[in-house]
Every structure is written in structure tokens, then in C-alpha cells.
Amino acid sequence: MAKQIVRTTLVFLFKESKVLLGLKKRGFGQGKWNGFGGKIQFEETIRSAACRELKEECDIDVKEMDLELLWLKKINVFKSSSFSGSEIETDEMRPKWFEISDIPYEEMWVDDKIWFPHMFAGNTFYAKFFFNGHSTITDYKLNLIPVSEFEKLRYG
């Protein structure tokens, strides 16, 4: 039987020179800072799932059209500087704004320090990381993709 790919979302909000991260309080990734997101539910679009997860995890609203897609594959990574509401702590996440120069990489997934600079630079890219466990990268590929070509690769 073929392995089913679980599609997920991840959203990062930006305000001036800051990015909003959430400290995962339970489940997979507990104790790590990350963006906000989760699994796409049946009959839900990728963007609507991203908006729903953001609202559930920190009570911030973002419009689907304001989500800029950065990275595609198993995780669909978005960013936005247009949103409404103030972040609140939930049972799952504790949000906190970080200056981009002060990202707590030592408390995050090990691949973040490789691809976050591309996100901060406004690049679109395809990335694939190979892990031994959850804390050792054995190999990775990261290719910058021009925006004009990016949308053509939507689920490649």
C-alpha cells in the first residue's frame, strides 16, 4: 500500500522587523518555537486550512488572499503582513513576536536555520530535508524558484 502524504500548512506573520512565532505547548514539536499551522481537513483548501489553524492557535485572522505562498511540498508555508486581531495564548501555542535578528534557532527545528533566511529575504523555494530522528539532518535540497515558475509547481 502506498504511503499517504499528509498535507499541512504553516503560517508566519510579520510586523515591521518582527515575526510571530508560537511555542508549541503539547503534542508533536512540544517545546519548540514555530509558525502556526496543522493538517488540512477533508474538502478544505490549503489557504482556508492555514487561516483556520492560525485562528485556532493564536486567535488572529488573516484573509486567504493575504497569504503569500513561499514553499511547497508536504508543508505549504505562507507568510503575511496583513492580519487583524491580537495574538493570545491557547492550549496549544504561546505566541511571541521576535525581532528577525533574535530568532531562537536553538529552540526550533534544526532545518529552520537553513530555510528561514530565505523566507526573510522574500524568496520562494522548494526544499526537502532528510532527517535521522528529529534533530539530525542527513541531507537536504533547497532550490530557489522564480515566482513566475513557482505557481506551476503547486503540488510537485
C-alpha atoms as a PDB file:
ATOM      1  CA  MET A   1       0.000   0.000   0.000  1.00  0.00           C
ATOM      2  CA  ALA A   2       1.331   3.446  -0.923  1.00  0.00           C
ATOM      3  CA  LYS A   3       2.159   5.805   1.891  1.00  0.00           C
ATOM      4  CA  GLN A   4      -0.375   8.639   2.058  1.00  0.00           C
ATOM      5  CA  ILE A   5       1.116  12.120   2.090  1.00  0.00           C
ATOM      6  CA  VAL A   6      -0.385  14.287   4.802  1.00  0.00           C
ATOM      7  CA  ARG A   7      -0.577  17.874   3.604  1.00  0.00           C
ATOM      8  CA  THR A   8      -0.074  20.542   6.220  1.00  0.00           C
ATOM      9  CA  THR A   9       0.179  24.309   6.487  1.00  0.00           C
ATOM     10  CA  LEU A  10       2.483  26.674   8.310  1.00  0.00           C
ATOM     11  CA  VAL A  11       1.912  30.440   8.621  1.00  0.00           C
ATOM     12  CA  PHE A  12       4.316  33.185   9.675  1.00  0.00           C
ATOM     13  CA  LEU A  13       3.088  36.693  10.405  1.00  0.00           C
ATOM     14  CA  PHE A  14       5.326  39.720  10.002  1.00  0.00           C
ATOM     15  CA  LYS A  15       5.067  43.157  11.579  1.00  0.00           C
ATOM     16  CA  GLU A  16       7.821  45.642  10.752  1.00  0.00           C
ATOM     17  CA  SER A  17      11.080  43.824  11.576  1.00  0.00           C
ATOM     18  CA  LYS A  18       9.379  41.136  13.676  1.00  0.00           C
ATOM     19  CA  VAL A  19       7.966  37.675  13.062  1.00  0.00           C
ATOM     20  CA  LEU A  20       5.334  35.966  15.223  1.00  0.00           C
ATOM     21  CA  LEU A  21       6.310  32.506  16.449  1.00  0.00           C
ATOM     22  CA  GLY A  22       4.446  30.165  18.757  1.00  0.00           C
ATOM     23  CA  LEU A  23       5.900  27.937  21.451  1.00  0.00           C
ATOM     24  CA  LYS A  24       4.278  24.533  20.998  1.00  0.00           C
ATOM     25  CA  LYS A  25       2.844  23.505  24.356  1.00  0.00           C
ATOM     26  CA  ARG A  26       1.728  19.933  23.596  1.00  0.00           C
ATOM     27  CA  GLY A  27       1.959  17.146  21.046  1.00  0.00           C
ATOM     28  CA  PHE A  28       4.456  16.834  18.216  1.00  0.00           C
ATOM     29  CA  GLY A  29       7.061  19.594  18.452  1.00  0.00           C
ATOM     30  CA  GLN A  30       6.322  20.401  22.099  1.00  0.00           C
ATOM     31  CA  GLY A  31       8.813  22.938  23.478  1.00  0.00           C
ATOM     32  CA  LYS A  32       9.809  24.287  20.054  1.00  0.00           C
ATOM     33  CA  TRP A  33       9.116  27.718  18.542  1.00  0.00           C
ATOM     34  CA  ASN A  34       7.463  27.536  15.143  1.00  0.00           C
ATOM     35  CA  GLY A  35       4.877  29.131  12.892  1.00  0.00           C
ATOM     36  CA  PHE A  36       1.178  28.324  13.218  1.00  0.00           C
ATOM     37  CA  GLY A  37      -0.469  25.543  11.262  1.00  0.00           C
ATOM     38  CA  GLY A  38      -1.545  21.956  11.003  1.00  0.00           C
ATOM     39  CA  LYS A  39      -3.253  19.350   8.876  1.00  0.00           C
ATOM     40  CA  ILE A  40      -5.574  20.216   6.027  1.00  0.00           C
ATOM     41  CA  GLN A  41      -9.013  18.782   6.670  1.00  0.00           C
ATOM     42  CA  PHE A  42     -11.140  16.952   4.090  1.00  0.00           C
ATOM     43  CA  GLU A  43     -12.595  19.309   1.457  1.00  0.00           C
ATOM     44  CA  GLU A  44     -10.631  22.262   2.868  1.00  0.00           C
ATOM     45  CA  THR A  45      -8.361  24.347   0.651  1.00  0.00           C
ATOM     46  CA  ILE A  46      -4.741  24.836   1.646  1.00  0.00           C
ATOM     47  CA  ARG A  47      -5.283  28.549   2.262  1.00  0.00           C
ATOM     48  CA  SER A  48      -8.511  28.071   4.238  1.00  0.00           C
ATOM     49  CA  ALA A  49      -6.732  25.477   6.394  1.00  0.00           C
ATOM     50  CA  ALA A  50      -3.895  27.932   7.038  1.00  0.00           C
ATOM     51  CA  CYS A  51      -6.366  30.639   8.081  1.00  0.00           C
ATOM     52  CA  ARG A  52      -8.293  28.239  10.331  1.00  0.00           C
ATOM     53  CA  GLU A  53      -5.174  26.925  12.057  1.00  0.00           C
ATOM     54  CA  LEU A  54      -3.870  30.448  12.673  1.00  0.00           C
ATOM     55  CA  LYS A  55      -7.193  31.442  14.254  1.00  0.00           C
ATOM     56  CA  GLU A  56      -7.339  28.279  16.393  1.00  0.00           C
ATOM     57  CA  GLU A  57      -3.750  28.543  17.595  1.00  0.00           C
ATOM     58  CA  CYS A  58      -3.422  32.273  18.362  1.00  0.00           C
ATOM     59  CA  ASP A  59      -6.764  33.974  17.580  1.00  0.00           C
ATOM     60  CA  ILE A  60      -5.500  36.072  14.679  1.00  0.00           C
ATOM     61  CA  ASP A  61      -7.489  36.450  11.467  1.00  0.00           C
ATOM     62  CA  VAL A  62      -5.895  36.594   8.053  1.00  0.00           C
ATOM     63  CA  LYS A  63      -7.614  36.637   4.672  1.00  0.00           C
ATOM     64  CA  GLU A  64      -6.753  33.837   2.260  1.00  0.00           C
ATOM     65  CA  MET A  65      -5.780  36.389  -0.387  1.00  0.00           C
ATOM     66  CA  ASP A  66      -3.229  37.921   2.025  1.00  0.00           C
ATOM     67  CA  LEU A  67      -1.271  34.667   2.374  1.00  0.00           C
ATOM     68  CA  GLU A  68       1.875  34.639   0.254  1.00  0.00           C
ATOM     69  CA  LEU A  69       2.992  31.099  -0.566  1.00  0.00           C
ATOM     70  CA  LEU A  70       6.726  30.545  -0.005  1.00  0.00           C
ATOM     71  CA  TRP A  71       7.360  26.827  -0.022  1.00  0.00           C
ATOM     72  CA  LEU A  72       5.514  23.825  -1.391  1.00  0.00           C
ATOM     73  CA  LYS A  73       5.650  20.072  -0.805  1.00  0.00           C
ATOM     74  CA  LYS A  74       4.352  18.243   2.239  1.00  0.00           C
ATOM     75  CA  ILE A  75       4.242  21.528   4.149  1.00  0.00           C
ATOM     76  CA  ASN A  76       2.734  24.578   2.484  1.00  0.00           C
ATOM     77  CA  VAL A  77       4.455  27.570   4.082  1.00  0.00           C
ATOM     78  CA  PHE A  78       2.828  31.003   3.926  1.00  0.00           C
ATOM     79  CA  LYS A  79       3.649  34.468   5.193  1.00  0.00           C
ATOM     80  CA  SER A  80       1.528  37.574   5.628  1.00  0.00           C
ATOM     81  CA  SER A  81       1.910  41.115   6.896  1.00  0.00           C
ATOM     82  CA  SER A  82      -1.819  41.767   6.667  1.00  0.00           C
ATOM     83  CA  PHE A  83      -3.916  40.430   9.528  1.00  0.00           C
ATOM     84  CA  SER A  84      -6.319  41.534  12.238  1.00  0.00           C
ATOM     85  CA  GLY A  85      -6.635  40.871  15.933  1.00  0.00           C
ATOM     86  CA  SER A  86      -4.129  40.450  18.721  1.00  0.00           C
ATOM     87  CA  GLU A  87      -2.415  37.200  19.439  1.00  0.00           C
ATOM     88  CA  ILE A  88      -3.492  35.239  22.509  1.00  0.00           C
ATOM     89  CA  GLU A  89      -2.112  32.155  24.176  1.00  0.00           C
ATOM     90  CA  THR A  90      -4.119  28.990  23.574  1.00  0.00           C
ATOM     91  CA  ASP A  91      -3.943  25.468  24.964  1.00  0.00           C
ATOM     92  CA  GLU A  92      -1.636  24.574  22.094  1.00  0.00           C
ATOM     93  CA  MET A  93       0.577  27.624  21.472  1.00  0.00           C
ATOM     94  CA  ARG A  94       2.138  30.579  23.281  1.00  0.00           C
ATOM     95  CA  PRO A  95       2.724  33.327  20.671  1.00  0.00           C
ATOM     96  CA  LYS A  96       5.556  35.834  20.877  1.00  0.00           C
ATOM     97  CA  TRP A  97       6.925  38.455  18.482  1.00  0.00           C
ATOM     98  CA  PHE A  98      10.661  38.133  17.759  1.00  0.00           C
ATOM     99  CA  GLU A  99      12.969  40.571  16.049  1.00  0.00           C
ATOM    100  CA  ILE A 100      14.266  38.800  12.955  1.00  0.00           C
ATOM    101  CA  SER A 101      17.785  39.316  14.288  1.00  0.00           C
ATOM    102  CA  ASP A 102      16.839  37.476  17.527  1.00  0.00           C
ATOM    103  CA  ILE A 103      15.195  34.277  16.265  1.00  0.00           C
ATOM    104  CA  PRO A 104      15.679  31.498  18.904  1.00  0.00           C
ATOM    105  CA  TYR A 105      17.039  28.907  16.448  1.00  0.00           C
ATOM    106  CA  GLU A 106      18.421  26.762  19.287  1.00  0.00           C
ATOM    107  CA  GLU A 107      14.813  26.197  20.444  1.00  0.00           C
ATOM    108  CA  MET A 108      13.445  25.373  16.987  1.00  0.00           C
ATOM    109  CA  TRP A 109      13.550  22.586  14.413  1.00  0.00           C
ATOM    110  CA  VAL A 110      17.112  22.167  13.108  1.00  0.00           C
ATOM    111  CA  ASP A 111      16.149  22.882   9.487  1.00  0.00           C
ATOM    112  CA  ASP A 112      14.700  26.310  10.348  1.00  0.00           C
ATOM    113  CA  LYS A 113      18.105  27.992  10.440  1.00  0.00           C
ATOM    114  CA  ILE A 114      18.656  26.838   6.847  1.00  0.00           C
ATOM    115  CA  TRP A 115      15.408  27.990   5.243  1.00  0.00           C
ATOM    116  CA  PHE A 116      14.302  30.905   7.477  1.00  0.00           C
ATOM    117  CA  PRO A 117      16.866  33.298   5.895  1.00  0.00           C
ATOM    118  CA  HIS A 118      15.247  32.590   2.514  1.00  0.00           C
ATOM    119  CA  MET A 119      11.820  33.355   3.960  1.00  0.00           C
ATOM    120  CA  PHE A 120      13.114  36.605   5.454  1.00  0.00           C
ATOM    121  CA  ALA A 121      14.677  37.530   2.094  1.00  0.00           C
ATOM    122  CA  GLY A 122      11.299  37.071   0.363  1.00  0.00           C
ATOM    123  CA  ASN A 123      12.410  34.103  -1.726  1.00  0.00           C
ATOM    124  CA  THR A 124      10.147  31.339  -2.986  1.00  0.00           C
ATOM    125  CA  PHE A 125      11.727  27.917  -2.899  1.00  0.00           C
ATOM    126  CA  TYR A 126      11.408  24.166  -2.911  1.00  0.00           C
ATOM    127  CA  ALA A 127      13.083  22.431  -0.003  1.00  0.00           C
ATOM    128  CA  LYS A 128      13.337  18.836   1.108  1.00  0.00           C
ATOM    129  CA  PHE A 129      15.076  17.789   4.309  1.00  0.00           C
ATOM    130  CA  PHE A 130      16.149  14.271   5.259  1.00  0.00           C
ATOM    131  CA  PHE A 131      16.407  13.521   8.963  1.00  0.00           C
ATOM    132  CA  ASN A 132      17.826  10.877  11.246  1.00  0.00           C
ATOM    133  CA  GLY A 133      15.311  11.169  14.067  1.00  0.00           C
ATOM    134  CA  HIS A 134      14.017  14.684  14.681  1.00  0.00           C
ATOM    135  CA  SER A 135      17.248  16.522  15.421  1.00  0.00           C
ATOM    136  CA  THR A 136      19.827  15.469  12.819  1.00  0.00           C
ATOM    137  CA  ILE A 137      19.719  16.490   9.159  1.00  0.00           C
ATOM    138  CA  THR A 138      21.411  13.860   6.996  1.00  0.00           C
ATOM    139  CA  ASP A 139      20.886  15.710   3.714  1.00  0.00           C
ATOM    140  CA  TYR A 140      18.766  18.437   2.191  1.00  0.00           C
ATOM    141  CA  LYS A 141      17.954  20.169  -1.073  1.00  0.00           C
ATOM    142  CA  LEU A 142      16.886  23.784  -1.295  1.00  0.00           C
ATOM    143  CA  ASN A 143      16.261  25.366  -4.671  1.00  0.00           C
ATOM    144  CA  LEU A 144      15.207  28.959  -5.175  1.00  0.00           C
ATOM    145  CA  ILE A 145      12.378  29.200  -7.675  1.00  0.00           C
ATOM    146  CA  PRO A 146      11.366  32.372  -9.534  1.00  0.00           C
ATOM    147  CA  VAL A 147       7.853  33.455  -8.558  1.00  0.00           C
ATOM    148  CA  SER A 148       6.742  33.094 -12.197  1.00  0.00           C
ATOM    149  CA  GLU A 149       7.656  29.390 -12.120  1.00  0.00           C
ATOM    150  CA  PHE A 150       6.619  28.762  -8.535  1.00  0.00           C
ATOM    151  CA  GLU A 151       2.867  28.553  -9.070  1.00  0.00           C
ATOM    152  CA  LYS A 152       3.362  25.945 -11.821  1.00  0.00           C
ATOM    153  CA  LEU A 153       4.896  23.565  -9.252  1.00  0.00           C
ATOM    154  CA  ARG A 154       1.958  23.735  -6.872  1.00  0.00           C
ATOM    155  CA  TYR A 155       1.988  20.072  -5.848  1.00  0.00           C
ATOM    156  CA  GLY A 156       5.142  18.744  -7.482  1.00  0.00           C
END
